[in-house]
PDB file of N, CA and C in Angstrom:
ATOM      1  N   MET A   1      -8.396  -5.242   5.348  1.00  0.00           N
ATOM      2  CA  MET A   1      -9.276  -5.011   6.476  1.00  0.00           C
ATOM      3  C   MET A   1     -10.738  -5.038   6.020  1.00  0.00           C
ATOM      4  N   LEU A   2     -11.000  -4.526   4.814  1.00  0.00           N
ATOM      5  CA  LEU A   2     -12.375  -4.584   4.308  1.00  0.00           C
ATOM      6  C   LEU A   2     -12.798  -6.028   4.049  1.00  0.00           C
ATOM      7  N   TYR A   3     -11.874  -6.844   3.571  1.00  0.00           N
ATOM      8  CA  TYR A   3     -12.174  -8.257   3.373  1.00  0.00           C
ATOM      9  C   TYR A   3     -12.480  -8.928   4.713  1.00  0.00           C
ATOM     10  N   ALA A   4     -11.704  -8.605   5.731  1.00  0.00           N
ATOM     11  CA  ALA A   4     -11.943  -9.183   7.055  1.00  0.00           C
ATOM     12  C   ALA A   4     -13.301  -8.741   7.590  1.00  0.00           C
ATOM     13  N   LEU A   5     -13.658  -7.486   7.370  1.00  0.00           N
ATOM     14  CA  LEU A   5     -14.972  -7.012   7.800  1.00  0.00           C
ATOM     15  C   LEU A   5     -16.079  -7.758   7.072  1.00  0.00           C
ATOM     16  N   SER A   6     -15.911  -7.955   5.769  1.00  0.00           N
ATOM     17  CA  SER A   6     -16.922  -8.688   4.985  1.00  0.00           C
ATOM     18  C   SER A   6     -17.056 -10.126   5.473  1.00  0.00           C
ATOM     19  N   GLN A   7     -15.932 -10.769   5.726  1.00  0.00           N
ATOM     20  CA  GLN A   7     -15.968 -12.149   6.216  1.00  0.00           C
ATOM     21  C   GLN A   7     -16.606 -12.240   7.594  1.00  0.00           C
ATOM     22  N   SER A   8     -16.297 -11.291   8.460  1.00  0.00           N
ATOM     23  CA  SER A   8     -16.832 -11.361   9.822  1.00  0.00           C
ATOM     24  C   SER A   8     -18.336 -11.116   9.857  1.00  0.00           C
ATOM     25  N   LEU A   9     -18.845 -10.388   8.883  1.00  0.00           N
ATOM     26  CA  LEU A   9     -20.279 -10.121   8.845  1.00  0.00           C
ATOM     27  C   LEU A   9     -21.065 -11.176   8.080  1.00  0.00           C
ATOM     28  N   SER A  10     -20.367 -12.045   7.354  1.00  0.00           N
ATOM     29  CA  SER A  10     -21.061 -13.024   6.526  1.00  0.00           C
ATOM     30  C   SER A  10     -21.687 -14.160   7.336  1.00  0.00           C
ATOM     31  N   SER A  11     -20.976 -14.647   8.351  1.00  0.00           N
ATOM     32  CA  SER A  11     -21.494 -15.766   9.143  1.00  0.00           C
ATOM     33  C   SER A  11     -20.717 -15.867  10.452  1.00  0.00           C
ATOM     34  N   GLU A  12     -21.198 -16.756  11.317  1.00  0.00           N
ATOM     35  CA  GLU A  12     -20.493 -16.979  12.582  1.00  0.00           C
ATOM     36  C   GLU A  12     -19.136 -17.621  12.345  1.00  0.00           C
ATOM     37  N   GLU A  13     -19.070 -18.535  11.364  1.00  0.00           N
ATOM     38  CA  GLU A  13     -17.798 -19.180  11.054  1.00  0.00           C
ATOM     39  C   GLU A  13     -16.798 -18.164  10.512  1.00  0.00           C
ATOM     40  N   GLY A  14     -17.276 -17.255   9.670  1.00  0.00           N
ATOM     41  CA  GLY A  14     -16.403 -16.212   9.136  1.00  0.00           C
ATOM     42  C   GLY A  14     -15.880 -15.308  10.238  1.00  0.00           C
ATOM     43  N   PHE A  15     -16.752 -14.976  11.189  1.00  0.00           N
ATOM     44  CA  PHE A  15     -16.330 -14.156  12.318  1.00  0.00           C
ATOM     45  C   PHE A  15     -15.267 -14.871  13.142  1.00  0.00           C
ATOM     46  N   ALA A  16     -15.469 -16.164  13.377  1.00  0.00           N
ATOM     47  CA  ALA A  16     -14.496 -16.939  14.154  1.00  0.00           C
ATOM     48  C   ALA A  16     -13.152 -17.006  13.437  1.00  0.00           C
ATOM     49  N   GLU A  17     -13.170 -17.156  12.106  1.00  0.00           N
ATOM     50  CA  GLU A  17     -11.924 -17.202  11.335  1.00  0.00           C
ATOM     51  C   GLU A  17     -11.176 -15.876  11.414  1.00  0.00           C
ATOM     52  N   VAL A  18     -11.901 -14.785  11.253  1.00  0.00           N
ATOM     53  CA  VAL A  18     -11.273 -13.461  11.302  1.00  0.00           C
ATOM     54  C   VAL A  18     -10.731 -13.189  12.702  1.00  0.00           C
ATOM     55  N   LYS A  19     -11.483 -13.567  13.711  1.00  0.00           N
ATOM     56  CA  LYS A  19     -11.029 -13.358  15.086  1.00  0.00           C
ATOM     57  C   LYS A  19      -9.759 -14.146  15.363  1.00  0.00           C
ATOM     58  N   ALA A  20      -9.717 -15.389  14.890  1.00  0.00           N
ATOM     59  CA  ALA A  20      -8.526 -16.218  15.092  1.00  0.00           C
ATOM     60  C   ALA A  20      -7.326 -15.627  14.347  1.00  0.00           C
ATOM     61  N   CYS A  21      -7.561 -15.096  13.166  1.00  0.00           N
ATOM     62  CA  CYS A  21      -6.470 -14.512  12.381  1.00  0.00           C
ATOM     63  C   CYS A  21      -5.947 -13.228  13.020  1.00  0.00           C
ATOM     64  N   LEU A  22      -6.845 -12.387  13.477  1.00  0.00           N
ATOM     65  CA  LEU A  22      -6.437 -11.094  14.015  1.00  0.00           C
ATOM     66  C   LEU A  22      -5.909 -11.157  15.446  1.00  0.00           C
ATOM     67  N   THR A  23      -6.053 -12.272  16.099  1.00  0.00           N
ATOM     68  CA  THR A  23      -5.503 -12.395  17.449  1.00  0.00           C
ATOM     69  C   THR A  23      -4.101 -12.995  17.443  1.00  0.00           C
ATOM     70  N   SER A  24      -3.578 -13.325  16.272  1.00  0.00           N
ATOM     71  CA  SER A  24      -2.219 -13.854  16.195  1.00  0.00           C
ATOM     72  C   SER A  24      -1.213 -12.724  16.434  1.00  0.00           C
ATOM     73  N   PRO A  25      -0.047 -13.058  16.964  1.00  0.00           N
ATOM     74  CA  PRO A  25       0.954 -12.016  17.228  1.00  0.00           C
ATOM     75  C   PRO A  25       1.401 -11.266  15.976  1.00  0.00           C
ATOM     76  N   LEU A  26       1.494 -11.958  14.853  1.00  0.00           N
ATOM     77  CA  LEU A  26       1.907 -11.291  13.616  1.00  0.00           C
ATOM     78  C   LEU A  26       0.878 -10.262  13.173  1.00  0.00           C
ATOM     79  N   ALA A  27      -0.391 -10.606  13.249  1.00  0.00           N
ATOM     80  CA  ALA A  27      -1.447  -9.669  12.863  1.00  0.00           C
ATOM     81  C   ALA A  27      -1.474  -8.469  13.808  1.00  0.00           C
ATOM     82  N   LYS A  28      -1.261  -8.702  15.087  1.00  0.00           N
ATOM     83  CA  LYS A  28      -1.217  -7.593  16.039  1.00  0.00           C
ATOM     84  C   LYS A  28      -0.032  -6.677  15.749  1.00  0.00           C
ATOM     85  N   PHE A  29       1.111  -7.263  15.392  1.00  0.00           N
ATOM     86  CA  PHE A  29       2.293  -6.470  15.085  1.00  0.00           C
ATOM     87  C   PHE A  29       2.075  -5.627  13.828  1.00  0.00           C
ATOM     88  N   VAL A  30       1.457  -6.211  12.816  1.00  0.00           N
ATOM     89  CA  VAL A  30       1.171  -5.470  11.588  1.00  0.00           C
ATOM     90  C   VAL A  30       0.178  -4.345  11.868  1.00  0.00           C
ATOM     91  N   ALA A  31      -0.856  -4.626  12.626  1.00  0.00           N
ATOM     92  CA  ALA A  31      -1.837  -3.593  12.968  1.00  0.00           C
ATOM     93  C   ALA A  31      -1.180  -2.473  13.773  1.00  0.00           C
ATOM     94  N   TRP A  32      -0.294  -2.828  14.698  1.00  0.00           N
ATOM     95  CA  TRP A  32       0.414  -1.827  15.493  1.00  0.00           C
ATOM     96  C   TRP A  32       1.334  -0.981  14.613  1.00  0.00           C
ATOM     97  N   GLY A  33       1.987  -1.610  13.654  1.00  0.00           N
ATOM     98  CA  GLY A  33       2.855  -0.879  12.737  1.00  0.00           C
ATOM     99  C   GLY A  33       2.081   0.113  11.890  1.00  0.00           C
ATOM    100  N   LEU A  34       0.968  -0.313  11.342  1.00  0.00           N
ATOM    101  CA  LEU A  34       0.138   0.592  10.540  1.00  0.00           C
ATOM    102  C   LEU A  34      -0.425   1.719  11.397  1.00  0.00           C
ATOM    103  N   LEU A  35      -0.888   1.390  12.571  1.00  0.00           N
ATOM    104  CA  LEU A  35      -1.425   2.406  13.466  1.00  0.00           C
ATOM    105  C   LEU A  35      -0.339   3.385  13.911  1.00  0.00           C
ATOM    106  N   SER A  36       0.874   2.895  14.096  1.00  0.00           N
ATOM    107  CA  SER A  36       1.988   3.770  14.476  1.00  0.00           C
ATOM    108  C   SER A  36       2.272   4.796  13.388  1.00  0.00           C
ATOM    109  N   ALA A  37       2.283   4.350  12.137  1.00  0.00           N
ATOM    110  CA  ALA A  37       2.526   5.278  11.033  1.00  0.00           C
ATOM    111  C   ALA A  37       1.422   6.327  10.945  1.00  0.00           C
ATOM    112  N   LEU A  38       0.189   5.898  11.121  1.00  0.00           N
ATOM    113  CA  LEU A  38      -0.926   6.842  11.060  1.00  0.00           C
ATOM    114  C   LEU A  38      -0.890   7.835  12.225  1.00  0.00           C
ATOM    115  N   LEU A  39      -0.523   7.370  13.396  1.00  0.00           N
ATOM    116  CA  LEU A  39      -0.459   8.264  14.552  1.00  0.00           C
ATOM    117  C   LEU A  39       0.658   9.290  14.405  1.00  0.00           C
ATOM    118  N   TYR A  40       1.821   8.867  13.896  1.00  0.00           N
ATOM    119  CA  TYR A  40       2.899   9.816  13.670  1.00  0.00           C
ATOM    120  C   TYR A  40       2.481  10.859  12.637  1.00  0.00           C
ATOM    121  N   HIS A  41       1.843  10.404  11.591  1.00  0.00           N
ATOM    122  CA  HIS A  41       1.366  11.312  10.542  1.00  0.00           C
ATOM    123  C   HIS A  41       0.352  12.307  11.112  1.00  0.00           C
ATOM    124  N   LEU A  42      -0.508  11.866  11.990  1.00  0.00           N
ATOM    125  CA  LEU A  42      -1.493  12.745  12.616  1.00  0.00           C
ATOM    126  C   LEU A  42      -0.812  13.817  13.475  1.00  0.00           C
ATOM    127  N   VAL A  43       0.139  13.395  14.305  1.00  0.00           N
ATOM    128  CA  VAL A  43       0.818  14.348  15.188  1.00  0.00           C
ATOM    129  C   VAL A  43       1.626  15.351  14.363  1.00  0.00           C
ATOM    130  N   ALA A  44       2.318  14.882  13.335  1.00  0.00           N
ATOM    131  CA  ALA A  44       3.087  15.793  12.487  1.00  0.00           C
ATOM    132  C   ALA A  44       2.161  16.730  11.723  1.00  0.00           C
ATOM    133  N   GLY A  45       0.989  16.255  11.337  1.00  0.00           N
ATOM    134  CA  GLY A  45       0.022  17.111  10.661  1.00  0.00           C
ATOM    135  C   GLY A  45      -0.492  18.219  11.557  1.00  0.00           C
ATOM    136  N   VAL A  46      -0.707  17.894  12.818  1.00  0.00           N
ATOM    137  CA  VAL A  46      -1.132  18.923  13.776  1.00  0.00           C
ATOM    138  C   VAL A  46      -0.028  19.959  13.928  1.00  0.00           C
ATOM    139  N   ARG A  47       1.215  19.509  13.933  1.00  0.00           N
ATOM    140  CA  ARG A  47       2.346  20.446  14.011  1.00  0.00           C
ATOM    141  C   ARG A  47       2.332  21.403  12.826  1.00  0.00           C
ATOM    142  N   HIS A  48       2.083  20.882  11.638  1.00  0.00           N
ATOM    143  CA  HIS A  48       2.047  21.738  10.456  1.00  0.00           C
ATOM    144  C   HIS A  48       0.869  22.710  10.498  1.00  0.00           C
ATOM    145  N   LEU A  49      -0.240  22.284  11.037  1.00  0.00           N
ATOM    146  CA  LEU A  49      -1.364  23.204  11.188  1.00  0.00           C
ATOM    147  C   LEU A  49      -1.016  24.335  12.152  1.00  0.00           C
ATOM    148  N   ILE A  50      -0.306  24.004  13.217  1.00  0.00           N
ATOM    149  CA  ILE A  50       0.124  25.034  14.163  1.00  0.00           C
ATOM    150  C   ILE A  50       1.114  25.985  13.490  1.00  0.00           C
ATOM    151  N   MET A  51       2.001  25.425  12.684  1.00  0.00           N
ATOM    152  CA  MET A  51       2.951  26.282  11.967  1.00  0.00           C
ATOM    153  C   MET A  51       2.245  27.177  10.952  1.00  0.00           C
ATOM    154  N   ASP A  52       1.155  26.695  10.368  1.00  0.00           N
ATOM    155  CA  ASP A  52       0.375  27.528   9.445  1.00  0.00           C
ATOM    156  C   ASP A  52      -0.251  28.721  10.142  1.00  0.00           C
ATOM    157  N   MET A  53      -0.435  28.618  11.448  1.00  0.00           N
ATOM    158  CA  MET A  53      -0.962  29.750  12.214  1.00  0.00           C
ATOM    159  C   MET A  53       0.143  30.728  12.605  1.00  0.00           C
ATOM    160  N   GLY A  54       1.383  30.433  12.234  1.00  0.00           N
ATOM    161  CA  GLY A  54       2.484  31.340  12.499  1.00  0.00           C
ATOM    162  C   GLY A  54       3.269  31.038  13.753  1.00  0.00           C
ATOM    163  N   ILE A  55       3.015  29.905  14.366  1.00  0.00           N
ATOM    164  CA  ILE A  55       3.710  29.536  15.600  1.00  0.00           C
ATOM    165  C   ILE A  55       4.817  28.539  15.256  1.00  0.00           C
ATOM    166  N   GLY A  56       6.043  28.844  15.672  1.00  0.00           N
ATOM    167  CA  GLY A  56       7.153  27.921  15.466  1.00  0.00           C
ATOM    168  C   GLY A  56       7.700  27.899  14.064  1.00  0.00           C
ATOM    169  N   GLU A  57       7.681  29.022  13.370  1.00  0.00           N
ATOM    170  CA  GLU A  57       8.170  29.064  11.998  1.00  0.00           C
ATOM    171  C   GLU A  57       9.667  29.336  11.900  1.00  0.00           C
ATOM    172  N   THR A  58      10.297  29.705  12.992  1.00  0.00           N
ATOM    173  CA  THR A  58      11.732  29.961  12.964  1.00  0.00           C
ATOM    174  C   THR A  58      12.493  28.643  12.970  1.00  0.00           C
ATOM    175  N   LEU A  59      13.795  28.735  12.743  1.00  0.00           N
ATOM    176  CA  LEU A  59      14.625  27.530  12.751  1.00  0.00           C
ATOM    177  C   LEU A  59      14.615  26.867  14.127  1.00  0.00           C
ATOM    178  N   GLU A  60      14.732  27.678  15.162  1.00  0.00           N
ATOM    179  CA  GLU A  60      14.712  27.128  16.524  1.00  0.00           C
ATOM    180  C   GLU A  60      13.341  26.536  16.848  1.00  0.00           C
ATOM    181  N   GLY A  61      12.291  27.228  16.422  1.00  0.00           N
ATOM    182  CA  GLY A  61      10.938  26.724  16.657  1.00  0.00           C
ATOM    183  C   GLY A  61      10.675  25.436  15.906  1.00  0.00           C
ATOM    184  N   GLY A  62      11.225  25.323  14.697  1.00  0.00           N
ATOM    185  CA  GLY A  62      11.068  24.093  13.921  1.00  0.00           C
ATOM    186  C   GLY A  62      11.772  22.920  14.567  1.00  0.00           C
ATOM    187  N   LYS A  63      12.971  23.179  15.081  1.00  0.00           N
ATOM    188  CA  LYS A  63      13.708  22.104  15.763  1.00  0.00           C
ATOM    189  C   LYS A  63      12.982  21.656  17.026  1.00  0.00           C
ATOM    190  N   LEU A  64      12.500  22.631  17.796  1.00  0.00           N
ATOM    191  CA  LEU A  64      11.762  22.289  19.011  1.00  0.00           C
ATOM    192  C   LEU A  64      10.474  21.549  18.664  1.00  0.00           C
ATOM    193  N   GLY A  65       9.793  22.016  17.635  1.00  0.00           N
ATOM    194  CA  GLY A  65       8.552  21.365  17.220  1.00  0.00           C
ATOM    195  C   GLY A  65       8.768  19.931  16.786  1.00  0.00           C
ATOM    196  N   SER A  66       9.862  19.673  16.074  1.00  0.00           N
ATOM    197  CA  SER A  66      10.125  18.302  15.634  1.00  0.00           C
ATOM    198  C   SER A  66      10.431  17.385  16.819  1.00  0.00           C
ATOM    199  N   LYS A  67      11.137  17.925  17.818  1.00  0.00           N
ATOM    200  CA  LYS A  67      11.408  17.115  19.015  1.00  0.00           C
ATOM    201  C   LYS A  67      10.128  16.825  19.787  1.00  0.00           C
ATOM    202  N   ILE A  68       9.247  17.804  19.863  1.00  0.00           N
ATOM    203  CA  ILE A  68       7.961  17.602  20.545  1.00  0.00           C
ATOM    204  C   ILE A  68       7.129  16.572  19.812  1.00  0.00           C
ATOM    205  N   VAL A  69       7.137  16.632  18.479  1.00  0.00           N
ATOM    206  CA  VAL A  69       6.379  15.660  17.679  1.00  0.00           C
ATOM    207  C   VAL A  69       6.889  14.250  17.935  1.00  0.00           C
ATOM    208  N   ILE A  70       8.191  14.079  17.993  1.00  0.00           N
ATOM    209  CA  ILE A  70       8.749  12.741  18.219  1.00  0.00           C
ATOM    210  C   ILE A  70       8.383  12.228  19.606  1.00  0.00           C
ATOM    211  N   VAL A  71       8.473  13.071  20.614  1.00  0.00           N
ATOM    212  CA  VAL A  71       8.140  12.643  21.982  1.00  0.00           C
ATOM    213  C   VAL A  71       6.662  12.274  22.089  1.00  0.00           C
ATOM    214  N   ILE A  72       5.794  13.135  21.562  1.00  0.00           N
ATOM    215  CA  ILE A  72       4.354  12.855  21.632  1.00  0.00           C
ATOM    216  C   ILE A  72       4.019  11.600  20.836  1.00  0.00           C
ATOM    217  N   SER A  73       4.649  11.444  19.673  1.00  0.00           N
ATOM    218  CA  SER A  73       4.393  10.261  18.857  1.00  0.00           C
ATOM    219  C   SER A  73       4.806   8.988  19.569  1.00  0.00           C
ATOM    220  N   VAL A  74       5.960   9.008  20.210  1.00  0.00           N
ATOM    221  CA  VAL A  74       6.419   7.812  20.935  1.00  0.00           C
ATOM    222  C   VAL A  74       5.440   7.453  22.043  1.00  0.00           C
ATOM    223  N   VAL A  75       4.979   8.446  22.777  1.00  0.00           N
ATOM    224  CA  VAL A  75       4.026   8.190  23.865  1.00  0.00           C
ATOM    225  C   VAL A  75       2.731   7.604  23.303  1.00  0.00           C
ATOM    226  N   VAL A  76       2.210   8.201  22.251  1.00  0.00           N
ATOM    227  CA  VAL A  76       0.942   7.732  21.672  1.00  0.00           C
ATOM    228  C   VAL A  76       1.111   6.346  21.052  1.00  0.00           C
ATOM    229  N   ILE A  77       2.260   6.094  20.415  1.00  0.00           N
ATOM    230  CA  ILE A  77       2.496   4.783  19.804  1.00  0.00           C
ATOM    231  C   ILE A  77       2.622   3.696  20.865  1.00  0.00           C
ATOM    232  N   VAL A  78       3.276   4.007  21.979  1.00  0.00           N
ATOM    233  CA  VAL A  78       3.371   3.027  23.077  1.00  0.00           C
ATOM    234  C   VAL A  78       1.976   2.750  23.642  1.00  0.00           C
ATOM    235  N   LEU A  79       1.183   3.786  23.807  1.00  0.00           N
ATOM    236  CA  LEU A  79      -0.191   3.587  24.291  1.00  0.00           C
ATOM    237  C   LEU A  79      -1.007   2.743  23.323  1.00  0.00           C
ATOM    238  N   ALA A  80      -0.814   2.956  22.035  1.00  0.00           N
ATOM    239  CA  ALA A  80      -1.511   2.144  21.044  1.00  0.00           C
ATOM    240  C   ALA A  80      -1.061   0.680  21.128  1.00  0.00           C
ATOM    241  N   GLY A  81       0.237   0.474  21.365  1.00  0.00           N
ATOM    242  CA  GLY A  81       0.734  -0.893  21.533  1.00  0.00           C
ATOM    243  C   GLY A  81       0.140  -1.581  22.737  1.00  0.00           C
ATOM    244  N   VAL A  82       0.006  -0.853  23.824  1.00  0.00           N
ATOM    245  CA  VAL A  82      -0.633  -1.418  25.022  1.00  0.00           C
ATOM    246  C   VAL A  82      -2.080  -1.755  24.735  1.00  0.00           C
ATOM    247  N   TRP A  83      -2.755  -0.868  23.997  1.00  0.00           N
ATOM    248  CA  TRP A  83      -4.163  -1.103  23.676  1.00  0.00           C
ATOM    249  C   TRP A  83      -4.342  -2.325  22.780  1.00  0.00           C
ATOM    250  N   ILE A  84      -3.451  -2.498  21.801  1.00  0.00           N
ATOM    251  CA  ILE A  84      -3.574  -3.623  20.879  1.00  0.00           C
ATOM    252  C   ILE A  84      -3.176  -4.941  21.542  1.00  0.00           C
ATOM    253  N   TRP A  85      -2.111  -4.932  22.318  1.00  0.00           N
ATOM    254  CA  TRP A  85      -1.633  -6.168  22.917  1.00  0.00           C
ATOM    255  C   TRP A  85      -2.393  -6.474  24.179  1.00  0.00           C
TER     256      TRP A  85
END
């Protein structure tokens, strides 16, 4: 991504090349996959921060928290897919 940023800032031709590359379906799928992993990691991290405050530390609370994380992650990942595509 840093290489693409460097190329896009170097010239108009470089920008056109990067734009053409990043608008391909494969590049969009890869970007969506990376963004999905980061979004899941973010939501799970927020869950752990909440658990550090003493909320949901029981076995039942942990199970409920993991289900909530999966549901929220799926919603956010679908929204990210809509945004990218």
